[in-house]
Amino acid sequence: MESCIINSPLGYTKIIGDENGIVQVTVLNSEAQITASIPAVLEDCVRQLQDYFEGSRKQFHLKLNPKGTAFQKKVWKHLNTIPSGKTLSYLQLSTQLGDPKAIRAVANANSKNPLWILVPCHRVIGSDGSLTGYAGGLYRKQWLLNHESQYKQQSLF
């Protein structure tokens, strides 16, 4: 298993994977040493994340290999159907997965997503439009949603 740490607008980001795919992408809440030489199996992931943060990428085309239960993987797979710039509520997500009563299980699976940004769990919000439950911090969730929005907030000064 190979790993690297890169810097992003939202903090240091750790990427783990091998020839079978990307296993984990996490944002760190502390400083870390940026990897000087990116392992070959992670180069495409690093490049695509840089493209995303620069605003030139809306979708990722990577081989993913997250570790989780069959139910978690089903939820994570469905998260990839939410288009960039759009959101879905936890209730809508659980309904689309076939069981609106499974909202807590769906929310729990969403919170366990090991592939930060690549599997867009940040696009899931509360039924009332509120930003709820984001492991990376709500300010990061807001930043990501703003970054993906087709309506960019302009500064007046």
Protein backbone atom coordinates (compact mmCIF):
# COMPACT_ATOMS: atom_id res chain seq x y z
CA MET A 1 0.00 0.00 0.00
CA GLU A 2 1.40 3.39 -1.01
CA SER A 3 0.60 6.76 0.54
CA CYS A 4 1.35 10.43 0.05
CA ILE A 5 0.42 13.76 1.53
CA ILE A 6 -0.41 16.77 -0.62
CA ASN A 7 -1.56 20.27 0.21
CA SER A 8 -5.03 21.42 -0.83
CA PRO A 9 -7.03 24.61 -0.27
CA LEU A 10 -8.72 22.79 2.61
CA GLY A 11 -5.63 21.40 4.30
CA TYR A 12 -3.17 18.58 4.08
CA THR A 13 -4.64 15.59 2.29
CA LYS A 14 -3.52 12.00 2.70
CA ILE A 15 -4.01 9.54 -0.16
CA ILE A 16 -3.62 5.77 0.23
CA GLY A 17 -3.86 3.19 -2.53
CA ASP A 18 -2.17 0.58 -4.67
CA GLU A 19 -2.56 -1.02 -8.08
CA ASN A 20 -6.05 -2.21 -7.04
CA GLY A 21 -7.26 1.37 -6.59
CA ILE A 22 -7.50 4.28 -4.20
CA VAL A 23 -8.41 3.05 -0.72
CA GLN A 24 -8.57 6.28 1.22
CA VAL A 25 -8.42 10.05 0.80
CA THR A 26 -8.66 12.08 4.00
CA VAL A 27 -8.14 15.69 4.93
CA LEU A 28 -5.94 16.10 7.98
CA ASN A 29 -6.68 18.50 10.80
CA SER A 30 -3.03 19.16 11.53
CA GLU A 31 0.12 20.04 9.66
CA ALA A 32 1.96 17.24 7.90
CA GLN A 33 5.03 16.77 5.77
CA ILE A 34 4.17 17.04 2.06
CA THR A 35 5.42 14.03 0.12
CA ALA A 36 8.39 14.98 -2.06
CA SER A 37 7.98 12.14 -4.55
CA ILE A 38 4.45 10.90 -5.30
CA PRO A 39 4.25 7.10 -5.76
CA ALA A 40 3.41 6.20 -9.36
CA VAL A 41 0.13 4.47 -8.41
CA LEU A 42 -1.12 7.70 -6.78
CA GLU A 43 0.00 10.23 -9.42
CA ASP A 44 -3.29 10.20 -11.36
CA CYS A 45 -5.29 10.73 -8.16
CA VAL A 46 -3.07 13.65 -7.16
CA ARG A 47 -3.40 15.18 -10.63
CA GLN A 48 -7.19 14.81 -10.67
CA LEU A 49 -7.53 16.34 -7.20
CA GLN A 50 -5.37 19.29 -8.28
CA ASP A 51 -7.57 19.72 -11.37
CA TYR A 52 -10.66 19.64 -9.14
CA PHE A 53 -9.33 22.33 -6.83
CA GLU A 54 -8.27 24.46 -9.80
CA GLY A 55 -11.87 24.22 -11.07
CA SER A 56 -11.14 22.30 -14.28
CA ARG A 57 -12.55 18.93 -13.12
CA LYS A 58 -16.10 18.04 -12.11
CA GLN A 59 -15.83 14.23 -12.13
CA PHE A 60 -13.12 11.82 -11.10
CA HIS A 61 -12.07 8.90 -13.25
CA LEU A 62 -10.10 6.71 -10.90
CA LYS A 63 -10.07 3.10 -9.86
CA LEU A 64 -11.48 3.12 -6.32
CA ASN A 65 -11.11 0.35 -3.76
CA PRO A 66 -12.67 1.55 -0.50
CA LYS A 67 -12.95 -0.81 2.44
CA GLY A 68 -16.44 -1.13 3.90
CA THR A 69 -19.54 -3.27 4.24
CA ALA A 70 -21.71 -4.16 1.26
CA PHE A 71 -24.31 -1.61 2.46
CA GLN A 72 -21.71 1.14 2.85
CA LYS A 73 -20.35 0.46 -0.63
CA LYS A 74 -23.89 0.63 -2.04
CA VAL A 75 -24.38 4.06 -0.44
CA TRP A 76 -20.96 5.30 -1.59
CA LYS A 77 -21.62 4.12 -5.12
CA HIS A 78 -24.90 6.03 -5.17
CA LEU A 79 -23.18 9.20 -3.94
CA ASN A 80 -21.31 9.26 -7.25
CA THR A 81 -24.63 9.77 -9.06
CA ILE A 82 -25.10 13.21 -7.45
CA PRO A 83 -23.89 15.71 -10.07
CA SER A 84 -21.34 18.35 -9.21
CA GLY A 85 -23.10 21.53 -8.10
CA LYS A 86 -26.17 19.63 -6.88
CA THR A 87 -27.21 18.38 -3.45
CA LEU A 88 -29.46 15.65 -2.13
CA SER A 89 -30.98 15.27 1.33
CA TYR A 90 -30.33 12.25 3.51
CA LEU A 91 -34.02 11.37 3.15
CA GLN A 92 -33.86 11.63 -0.64
CA LEU A 93 -30.73 9.48 -0.64
CA SER A 94 -32.29 6.76 1.51
CA THR A 95 -35.46 6.86 -0.62
CA GLN A 96 -33.44 6.50 -3.83
CA LEU A 97 -31.67 3.54 -2.25
CA GLY A 98 -35.07 1.90 -1.72
CA ASP A 99 -35.86 2.47 1.96
CA PRO A 100 -36.75 5.92 3.32
CA LYS A 101 -36.76 4.44 6.85
CA ALA A 102 -33.07 3.60 6.51
CA ILE A 103 -32.15 7.26 6.78
CA ARG A 104 -29.96 6.77 9.88
CA ALA A 105 -28.12 3.82 8.35
CA VAL A 106 -27.59 5.79 5.14
CA ALA A 107 -26.35 8.82 7.09
CA ASN A 108 -24.00 6.58 9.07
CA ALA A 109 -22.62 4.99 5.88
CA ASN A 110 -22.21 8.46 4.40
CA SER A 111 -20.19 9.54 7.45
CA LYS A 112 -17.86 6.55 7.04
CA ASN A 113 -16.94 7.43 3.44
CA PRO A 114 -13.16 6.90 3.19
CA LEU A 115 -12.78 8.73 -0.13
CA TRP A 116 -13.03 12.43 0.67
CA ILE A 117 -14.13 14.46 -2.37
CA LEU A 118 -13.72 11.48 -4.77
CA VAL A 119 -17.00 10.07 -3.45
CA PRO A 120 -18.97 13.28 -2.87
CA CYS A 121 -20.56 12.78 0.55
CA HIS A 122 -20.36 16.57 0.96
CA ARG A 123 -23.28 16.85 -1.49
CA VAL A 124 -25.68 15.31 1.05
CA ILE A 125 -27.49 17.83 3.25
CA GLY A 126 -30.38 17.98 5.71
CA SER A 127 -33.97 17.93 4.42
CA ASP A 128 -34.28 21.58 5.48
CA GLY A 129 -31.23 22.54 3.41
CA SER A 130 -28.92 22.72 6.41
CA LEU A 131 -25.34 21.51 6.34
CA THR A 132 -25.25 18.63 8.75
CA GLY A 133 -22.76 15.97 9.67
CA TYR A 134 -19.49 16.28 7.84
CA ALA A 135 -16.40 14.52 9.17
CA GLY A 136 -14.09 17.10 7.58
CA GLY A 137 -15.87 19.97 9.31
CA LEU A 138 -18.87 21.99 8.15
CA TYR A 139 -16.68 24.86 6.92
CA ARG A 140 -15.03 22.43 4.48
CA LYS A 141 -18.42 21.12 3.36
CA GLN A 142 -19.57 24.70 2.71
CA TRP A 143 -16.35 25.46 0.82
CA LEU A 144 -16.77 22.37 -1.39
CA LEU A 145 -20.41 23.18 -2.18
CA ASN A 146 -19.48 26.78 -3.00
CA HIS A 147 -16.56 25.55 -5.14
CA GLU A 148 -18.89 23.30 -7.13
CA SER A 149 -21.71 25.81 -7.45
CA GLN A 150 -22.40 27.27 -10.87
CA TYR A 151 -23.25 30.50 -9.06
CA LYS A 152 -19.98 31.81 -7.64
CA GLN A 153 -20.18 34.44 -4.93
CA GLN A 154 -18.25 37.49 -6.02
CA SER A 155 -16.50 39.82 -3.64
CA LEU A 156 -17.59 43.45 -3.84
CA PHE A 157 -14.27 44.79 -2.52
